[in-house]
Amino acid sequence: MISLSRLQQKGEHCMKNRESFLPKDWFEKGNLDLRRTEILLENDDPEGAAFHLQQAVEKYLKGYLIGKGWKLKRIHDLEDLLDHVLDYDKDFEVYRSLCQEVTEYYTEERYPFFVSSKLHKDEIMLKMQQVKELIEKLLK
């Protein structure tokens, strides 16, 4: 097997993955993450569900922004993304606390902490309802 560094030394290049600049592609991926959230909740995995809920919101916010001409940035903090959304529509300010809370799911699932916050299924289900309201507004 040839490593990437050996291919680069030989002057051969692998095709680079590039993110789409089409909002619908981001919305489709976000929808997949929402479905994964539901499946993980059905299987009593609130931590996994929370992570995919964060991913869904991130993709929907980015899709909305791309549709407004925003240049794609590697941002995972939903509050930072919301700040960009507010440049286009101040009515989204009501979702700030939701974005703050759901952003925490990204780090809680990805990194070990000394004290686990132990997420509960009911909490994630409530957040998912709020996220669906946000998504509905983003798609208008």
N, C-alpha and C. Protein backbone atom coordinates (compact mmCIF):
# COMPACT_ATOMS: atom_id res chain seq x y z
N MET A 1 0.84 -1.17 0.00
CA MET A 1 0.00 0.00 0.00
C MET A 1 0.89 1.25 0.00
N ILE A 2 0.56 2.21 -0.83
CA ILE A 2 1.36 3.43 -0.96
C ILE A 2 0.74 4.50 -0.07
N SER A 3 1.57 5.14 0.74
CA SER A 3 1.07 6.18 1.63
C SER A 3 0.87 7.48 0.84
N LEU A 4 0.07 8.37 1.44
CA LEU A 4 -0.18 9.67 0.81
C LEU A 4 1.13 10.44 0.63
N SER A 5 2.00 10.40 1.64
CA SER A 5 3.25 11.15 1.52
C SER A 5 4.11 10.61 0.38
N ARG A 6 4.10 9.28 0.16
CA ARG A 6 4.87 8.72 -0.96
C ARG A 6 4.26 9.12 -2.29
N LEU A 7 2.93 9.18 -2.35
CA LEU A 7 2.29 9.63 -3.58
C LEU A 7 2.67 11.08 -3.88
N GLN A 8 2.69 11.91 -2.83
CA GLN A 8 3.03 13.31 -3.02
C GLN A 8 4.49 13.46 -3.45
N GLN A 9 5.38 12.61 -2.90
CA GLN A 9 6.78 12.66 -3.29
C GLN A 9 6.95 12.30 -4.76
N LYS A 10 6.12 11.39 -5.25
CA LYS A 10 6.19 10.97 -6.64
C LYS A 10 5.51 11.98 -7.56
N GLY A 11 4.87 12.98 -6.95
CA GLY A 11 4.19 13.97 -7.78
C GLY A 11 2.79 13.56 -8.16
N GLU A 12 2.29 12.46 -7.60
CA GLU A 12 0.93 12.02 -7.88
C GLU A 12 0.02 12.65 -6.84
N HIS A 13 -1.19 12.96 -7.23
CA HIS A 13 -2.11 13.62 -6.31
C HIS A 13 -3.41 12.86 -6.25
N CYS A 14 -3.94 12.80 -5.05
CA CYS A 14 -5.27 12.24 -4.85
C CYS A 14 -6.28 13.36 -5.05
N MET A 15 -7.48 13.00 -5.45
CA MET A 15 -8.52 14.01 -5.59
C MET A 15 -8.86 14.55 -4.21
N LYS A 16 -8.88 15.85 -4.08
CA LYS A 16 -9.21 16.48 -2.81
C LYS A 16 -10.72 16.55 -2.66
N ASN A 17 -11.18 16.30 -1.44
CA ASN A 17 -12.60 16.50 -1.15
C ASN A 17 -12.85 17.98 -1.00
N ARG A 18 -13.89 18.44 -1.61
CA ARG A 18 -14.24 19.85 -1.50
C ARG A 18 -15.71 19.94 -1.11
N GLU A 19 -15.98 20.88 -0.23
CA GLU A 19 -17.35 21.06 0.22
C GLU A 19 -18.17 21.71 -0.89
N SER A 20 -19.42 21.34 -0.93
CA SER A 20 -20.35 21.89 -1.91
C SER A 20 -20.68 23.34 -1.58
N PHE A 21 -20.97 24.10 -2.60
CA PHE A 21 -21.41 25.47 -2.43
C PHE A 21 -22.91 25.59 -2.74
N LEU A 22 -23.59 24.45 -2.72
CA LEU A 22 -25.03 24.43 -2.97
C LEU A 22 -25.76 24.23 -1.64
N PRO A 23 -26.61 25.16 -1.26
CA PRO A 23 -27.33 25.02 0.00
C PRO A 23 -28.07 23.70 0.14
N LYS A 24 -28.69 23.24 -0.94
CA LYS A 24 -29.47 22.00 -0.85
C LYS A 24 -28.62 20.81 -0.44
N ASP A 25 -27.36 20.78 -0.84
CA ASP A 25 -26.46 19.70 -0.43
C ASP A 25 -26.24 19.72 1.09
N TRP A 26 -26.08 20.92 1.63
CA TRP A 26 -25.90 21.07 3.08
C TRP A 26 -27.16 20.67 3.83
N PHE A 27 -28.32 21.06 3.28
CA PHE A 27 -29.59 20.70 3.91
C PHE A 27 -29.81 19.19 3.88
N GLU A 28 -29.43 18.54 2.78
CA GLU A 28 -29.57 17.08 2.69
C GLU A 28 -28.70 16.39 3.74
N LYS A 29 -27.46 16.85 3.89
CA LYS A 29 -26.57 16.26 4.91
C LYS A 29 -27.10 16.54 6.31
N GLY A 30 -27.62 17.74 6.51
CA GLY A 30 -28.21 18.07 7.80
C GLY A 30 -29.40 17.19 8.11
N ASN A 31 -30.20 16.90 7.09
CA ASN A 31 -31.35 16.02 7.27
C ASN A 31 -30.91 14.60 7.65
N LEU A 32 -29.81 14.14 7.06
CA LEU A 32 -29.27 12.83 7.45
C LEU A 32 -28.86 12.82 8.92
N ASP A 33 -28.25 13.91 9.36
CA ASP A 33 -27.86 13.99 10.77
C ASP A 33 -29.08 14.02 11.68
N LEU A 34 -30.16 14.68 11.25
CA LEU A 34 -31.39 14.65 12.04
C LEU A 34 -31.94 13.24 12.15
N ARG A 35 -31.91 12.53 11.05
CA ARG A 35 -32.40 11.13 11.06
C ARG A 35 -31.52 10.28 11.98
N ARG A 36 -30.21 10.48 11.93
CA ARG A 36 -29.30 9.76 12.82
C ARG A 36 -29.60 10.08 14.28
N THR A 37 -29.94 11.33 14.55
CA THR A 37 -30.32 11.73 15.90
C THR A 37 -31.52 10.91 16.37
N GLU A 38 -32.52 10.81 15.52
CA GLU A 38 -33.73 10.05 15.87
C GLU A 38 -33.41 8.58 16.12
N ILE A 39 -32.60 7.99 15.24
CA ILE A 39 -32.24 6.57 15.37
C ILE A 39 -31.47 6.33 16.67
N LEU A 40 -30.53 7.20 16.97
CA LEU A 40 -29.74 7.03 18.19
C LEU A 40 -30.59 7.23 19.44
N LEU A 41 -31.55 8.12 19.39
CA LEU A 41 -32.46 8.28 20.52
C LEU A 41 -33.31 7.02 20.71
N GLU A 42 -33.79 6.46 19.60
CA GLU A 42 -34.57 5.22 19.67
C GLU A 42 -33.77 4.07 20.27
N ASN A 43 -32.44 4.14 20.12
CA ASN A 43 -31.55 3.09 20.62
C ASN A 43 -30.83 3.51 21.91
N ASP A 44 -31.42 4.44 22.63
CA ASP A 44 -30.92 4.88 23.95
C ASP A 44 -29.46 5.30 23.94
N ASP A 45 -29.10 6.10 22.94
CA ASP A 45 -27.76 6.67 22.87
C ASP A 45 -27.88 8.19 22.79
N PRO A 46 -28.22 8.84 23.92
CA PRO A 46 -28.41 10.30 23.87
C PRO A 46 -27.13 11.07 23.54
N GLU A 47 -25.97 10.55 23.94
CA GLU A 47 -24.72 11.26 23.63
C GLU A 47 -24.48 11.28 22.12
N GLY A 48 -24.63 10.13 21.47
CA GLY A 48 -24.48 10.08 20.01
C GLY A 48 -25.53 10.93 19.31
N ALA A 49 -26.76 10.88 19.82
CA ALA A 49 -27.84 11.68 19.25
C ALA A 49 -27.54 13.17 19.36
N ALA A 50 -27.01 13.57 20.51
CA ALA A 50 -26.68 14.99 20.73
C ALA A 50 -25.62 15.46 19.74
N PHE A 51 -24.62 14.63 19.51
CA PHE A 51 -23.57 14.99 18.56
C PHE A 51 -24.16 15.22 17.16
N HIS A 52 -25.00 14.29 16.72
CA HIS A 52 -25.58 14.44 15.38
C HIS A 52 -26.57 15.60 15.31
N LEU A 53 -27.19 15.93 16.44
CA LEU A 53 -28.07 17.10 16.46
C LEU A 53 -27.24 18.36 16.22
N GLN A 54 -26.09 18.44 16.87
CA GLN A 54 -25.20 19.59 16.65
C GLN A 54 -24.77 19.64 15.18
N GLN A 55 -24.43 18.48 14.63
CA GLN A 55 -24.00 18.43 13.23
C GLN A 55 -25.11 18.89 12.29
N ALA A 56 -26.34 18.50 12.59
CA ALA A 56 -27.47 18.92 11.75
C ALA A 56 -27.63 20.43 11.76
N VAL A 57 -27.59 21.02 12.95
CA VAL A 57 -27.74 22.48 13.04
C VAL A 57 -26.60 23.17 12.30
N GLU A 58 -25.40 22.69 12.49
CA GLU A 58 -24.24 23.29 11.81
C GLU A 58 -24.45 23.28 10.29
N LYS A 59 -24.90 22.17 9.76
CA LYS A 59 -25.07 22.06 8.30
C LYS A 59 -26.21 22.92 7.79
N TYR A 60 -27.29 23.00 8.54
CA TYR A 60 -28.40 23.86 8.11
C TYR A 60 -28.01 25.33 8.17
N LEU A 61 -27.31 25.73 9.22
CA LEU A 61 -26.86 27.12 9.30
C LEU A 61 -25.91 27.45 8.16
N LYS A 62 -24.97 26.55 7.88
CA LYS A 62 -24.03 26.79 6.78
C LYS A 62 -24.75 26.81 5.43
N GLY A 63 -25.72 25.94 5.23
CA GLY A 63 -26.49 25.94 4.00
C GLY A 63 -27.22 27.26 3.80
N TYR A 64 -27.85 27.75 4.86
CA TYR A 64 -28.53 29.04 4.82
C TYR A 64 -27.55 30.14 4.43
N LEU A 65 -26.42 30.16 5.12
CA LEU A 65 -25.42 31.21 4.87
C LEU A 65 -24.85 31.14 3.46
N ILE A 66 -24.56 29.95 3.00
CA ILE A 66 -24.04 29.78 1.63
C ILE A 66 -25.05 30.32 0.62
N GLY A 67 -26.33 30.07 0.89
CA GLY A 67 -27.39 30.59 0.03
C GLY A 67 -27.44 32.12 0.00
N LYS A 68 -26.87 32.75 1.00
CA LYS A 68 -26.82 34.21 1.07
C LYS A 68 -25.51 34.76 0.50
N GLY A 69 -24.64 33.85 0.02
CA GLY A 69 -23.38 34.30 -0.56
C GLY A 69 -22.20 34.27 0.39
N TRP A 70 -22.42 33.75 1.59
CA TRP A 70 -21.37 33.66 2.62
C TRP A 70 -20.27 32.71 2.17
N LYS A 71 -19.05 33.09 2.41
CA LYS A 71 -17.91 32.23 2.07
C LYS A 71 -17.74 31.18 3.17
N LEU A 72 -17.75 29.93 2.78
CA LEU A 72 -17.68 28.82 3.72
C LEU A 72 -16.44 28.91 4.61
N LYS A 73 -16.65 28.72 5.90
CA LYS A 73 -15.56 28.74 6.88
C LYS A 73 -15.67 27.50 7.74
N ARG A 74 -14.54 27.05 8.25
CA ARG A 74 -14.51 25.88 9.14
C ARG A 74 -14.84 26.35 10.56
N ILE A 75 -16.13 26.39 10.83
CA ILE A 75 -16.62 26.82 12.13
C ILE A 75 -17.56 25.72 12.63
N HIS A 76 -17.37 25.31 13.88
CA HIS A 76 -18.27 24.31 14.47
C HIS A 76 -19.11 24.92 15.57
N ASP A 77 -18.75 26.11 16.02
CA ASP A 77 -19.48 26.78 17.08
C ASP A 77 -20.76 27.38 16.50
N LEU A 78 -21.90 26.87 16.94
CA LEU A 78 -23.18 27.29 16.38
C LEU A 78 -23.49 28.76 16.69
N GLU A 79 -23.03 29.24 17.83
CA GLU A 79 -23.26 30.64 18.16
C GLU A 79 -22.49 31.55 17.20
N ASP A 80 -21.29 31.16 16.84
CA ASP A 80 -20.53 31.93 15.85
C ASP A 80 -21.26 31.94 14.50
N LEU A 81 -21.76 30.79 14.10
CA LEU A 81 -22.52 30.72 12.84
C LEU A 81 -23.79 31.57 12.94
N LEU A 82 -24.45 31.51 14.09
CA LEU A 82 -25.65 32.33 14.28
C LEU A 82 -25.34 33.82 14.14
N ASP A 83 -24.19 34.23 14.63
CA ASP A 83 -23.79 35.63 14.48
C ASP A 83 -23.75 36.03 13.01
N HIS A 84 -23.28 35.13 12.16
CA HIS A 84 -23.26 35.40 10.71
C HIS A 84 -24.68 35.43 10.15
N VAL A 85 -25.54 34.53 10.62
CA VAL A 85 -26.94 34.52 10.18
C VAL A 85 -27.61 35.85 10.54
N LEU A 86 -27.29 36.38 11.71
CA LEU A 86 -27.89 37.64 12.15
C LEU A 86 -27.55 38.81 11.25
N ASP A 87 -26.48 38.69 10.48
CA ASP A 87 -26.15 39.73 9.50
C ASP A 87 -27.23 39.81 8.42
N TYR A 88 -27.97 38.72 8.24
CA TYR A 88 -29.01 38.67 7.21
C TYR A 88 -30.42 38.80 7.78
N ASP A 89 -30.59 38.32 9.02
CA ASP A 89 -31.93 38.33 9.61
C ASP A 89 -31.82 38.34 11.14
N LYS A 90 -32.13 39.48 11.73
CA LYS A 90 -32.01 39.65 13.19
C LYS A 90 -33.02 38.81 13.97
N ASP A 91 -34.07 38.33 13.31
CA ASP A 91 -35.10 37.53 14.00
C ASP A 91 -34.56 36.20 14.53
N PHE A 92 -33.40 35.79 14.06
CA PHE A 92 -32.83 34.52 14.52
C PHE A 92 -32.19 34.63 15.90
N GLU A 93 -32.12 35.84 16.44
CA GLU A 93 -31.53 36.04 17.77
C GLU A 93 -32.19 35.16 18.83
N VAL A 94 -33.47 34.86 18.65
CA VAL A 94 -34.19 34.04 19.64
C VAL A 94 -33.60 32.63 19.77
N TYR A 95 -32.75 32.22 18.83
CA TYR A 95 -32.16 30.88 18.85
C TYR A 95 -30.76 30.87 19.46
N ARG A 96 -30.32 31.99 20.04
CA ARG A 96 -28.97 32.05 20.59
C ARG A 96 -28.75 31.02 21.70
N SER A 97 -29.63 30.94 22.67
CA SER A 97 -29.42 29.99 23.77
C SER A 97 -29.45 28.55 23.26
N LEU A 98 -30.30 28.27 22.30
CA LEU A 98 -30.33 26.93 21.71
C LEU A 98 -28.98 26.62 21.06
N CYS A 99 -28.45 27.54 20.30
CA CYS A 99 -27.16 27.33 19.64
C CYS A 99 -26.04 27.15 20.66
N GLN A 100 -26.08 27.92 21.74
CA GLN A 100 -25.07 27.78 22.79
C GLN A 100 -25.12 26.39 23.40
N GLU A 101 -26.31 25.93 23.73
CA GLU A 101 -26.47 24.63 24.38
C GLU A 101 -26.11 23.47 23.44
N VAL A 102 -26.56 23.54 22.21
CA VAL A 102 -26.31 22.44 21.27
C VAL A 102 -24.84 22.40 20.86
N THR A 103 -24.15 23.54 20.84
CA THR A 103 -22.72 23.55 20.55
C THR A 103 -21.96 22.68 21.55
N GLU A 104 -22.39 22.70 22.80
CA GLU A 104 -21.71 21.90 23.83
C GLU A 104 -21.76 20.41 23.52
N TYR A 105 -22.76 19.97 22.81
CA TYR A 105 -22.87 18.54 22.47
C TYR A 105 -21.71 18.09 21.59
N TYR A 106 -21.20 19.01 20.79
CA TYR A 106 -20.08 18.67 19.88
C TYR A 106 -18.85 18.28 20.68
N THR A 107 -18.49 19.08 21.66
CA THR A 107 -17.28 18.78 22.44
C THR A 107 -17.51 17.66 23.43
N GLU A 108 -18.71 17.57 24.01
CA GLU A 108 -18.99 16.52 24.98
C GLU A 108 -18.87 15.13 24.37
N GLU A 109 -19.26 14.98 23.14
CA GLU A 109 -19.22 13.67 22.49
C GLU A 109 -17.82 13.36 21.94
N ARG A 110 -17.08 14.37 21.55
CA ARG A 110 -15.80 14.15 20.88
C ARG A 110 -14.61 14.02 21.82
N TYR A 111 -14.70 14.59 23.02
CA TYR A 111 -13.53 14.64 23.89
C TYR A 111 -13.85 14.10 25.28
N PRO A 112 -12.89 13.41 25.90
CA PRO A 112 -13.13 12.91 27.26
C PRO A 112 -12.97 14.04 28.29
N PHE A 113 -13.84 14.03 29.27
CA PHE A 113 -13.77 15.00 30.35
C PHE A 113 -13.69 14.27 31.67
N PHE A 114 -13.13 14.93 32.68
CA PHE A 114 -13.03 14.33 34.00
C PHE A 114 -14.42 14.08 34.60
N VAL A 115 -15.33 15.00 34.34
CA VAL A 115 -16.68 14.87 34.85
C VAL A 115 -17.62 14.80 33.65
N SER A 116 -18.32 13.70 33.55
CA SER A 116 -19.26 13.53 32.44
C SER A 116 -20.58 14.24 32.76
N SER A 117 -21.18 14.86 31.77
CA SER A 117 -22.43 15.58 32.00
C SER A 117 -23.64 14.67 31.85
N LYS A 118 -23.47 13.47 31.38
CA LYS A 118 -24.55 12.50 31.18
C LYS A 118 -25.82 13.15 30.63
N LEU A 119 -25.92 13.16 29.35
CA LEU A 119 -27.09 13.73 28.68
C LEU A 119 -28.27 12.78 28.82
N HIS A 120 -29.46 13.36 28.86
CA HIS A 120 -30.68 12.57 29.00
C HIS A 120 -31.50 12.63 27.72
N LYS A 121 -32.13 11.53 27.43
CA LYS A 121 -32.93 11.39 26.21
C LYS A 121 -34.00 12.49 26.11
N ASP A 122 -34.68 12.78 27.21
CA ASP A 122 -35.74 13.80 27.20
C ASP A 122 -35.19 15.18 26.82
N GLU A 123 -34.00 15.49 27.33
CA GLU A 123 -33.37 16.78 27.01
C GLU A 123 -33.08 16.88 25.52
N ILE A 124 -32.53 15.80 24.95
CA ILE A 124 -32.19 15.81 23.52
C ILE A 124 -33.45 15.88 22.67
N MET A 125 -34.50 15.20 23.09
CA MET A 125 -35.76 15.24 22.34
C MET A 125 -36.33 16.66 22.33
N LEU A 126 -36.26 17.35 23.47
CA LEU A 126 -36.73 18.73 23.54
C LEU A 126 -35.90 19.63 22.63
N LYS A 127 -34.59 19.47 22.69
CA LYS A 127 -33.71 20.28 21.83
C LYS A 127 -33.98 19.99 20.35
N MET A 128 -34.27 18.73 20.04
CA MET A 128 -34.54 18.37 18.65
C MET A 128 -35.79 19.10 18.15
N GLN A 129 -36.81 19.23 18.99
CA GLN A 129 -38.01 19.98 18.59
C GLN A 129 -37.68 21.44 18.33
N GLN A 130 -36.86 22.02 19.19
CA GLN A 130 -36.45 23.41 19.01
C GLN A 130 -35.60 23.57 17.76
N VAL A 131 -34.75 22.61 17.50
CA VAL A 131 -33.91 22.63 16.29
C VAL A 131 -34.79 22.56 15.05
N LYS A 132 -35.81 21.74 15.08
CA LYS A 132 -36.71 21.64 13.92
C LYS A 132 -37.41 22.97 13.65
N GLU A 133 -37.74 23.72 14.70
CA GLU A 133 -38.34 25.05 14.52
C GLU A 133 -37.32 25.98 13.85
N LEU A 134 -36.07 25.93 14.31
CA LEU A 134 -35.02 26.74 13.71
C LEU A 134 -34.85 26.38 12.23
N ILE A 135 -34.81 25.10 11.94
CA ILE A 135 -34.62 24.64 10.55
C ILE A 135 -35.77 25.13 9.67
N GLU A 136 -36.98 25.03 10.19
CA GLU A 136 -38.15 25.48 9.43
C GLU A 136 -38.01 26.96 9.06
N LYS A 137 -37.52 27.75 9.99
CA LYS A 137 -37.34 29.19 9.74
C LYS A 137 -36.20 29.42 8.74
N LEU A 138 -35.13 28.62 8.84
CA LEU A 138 -34.00 28.75 7.91
C LEU A 138 -34.43 28.44 6.48
N LEU A 139 -35.36 27.52 6.32
CA LEU A 139 -35.77 27.08 4.98
C LEU A 139 -36.82 27.99 4.34
N LYS A 140 -37.35 28.95 5.07
CA LYS A 140 -38.38 29.86 4.51
C LYS A 140 -37.78 30.81 3.50
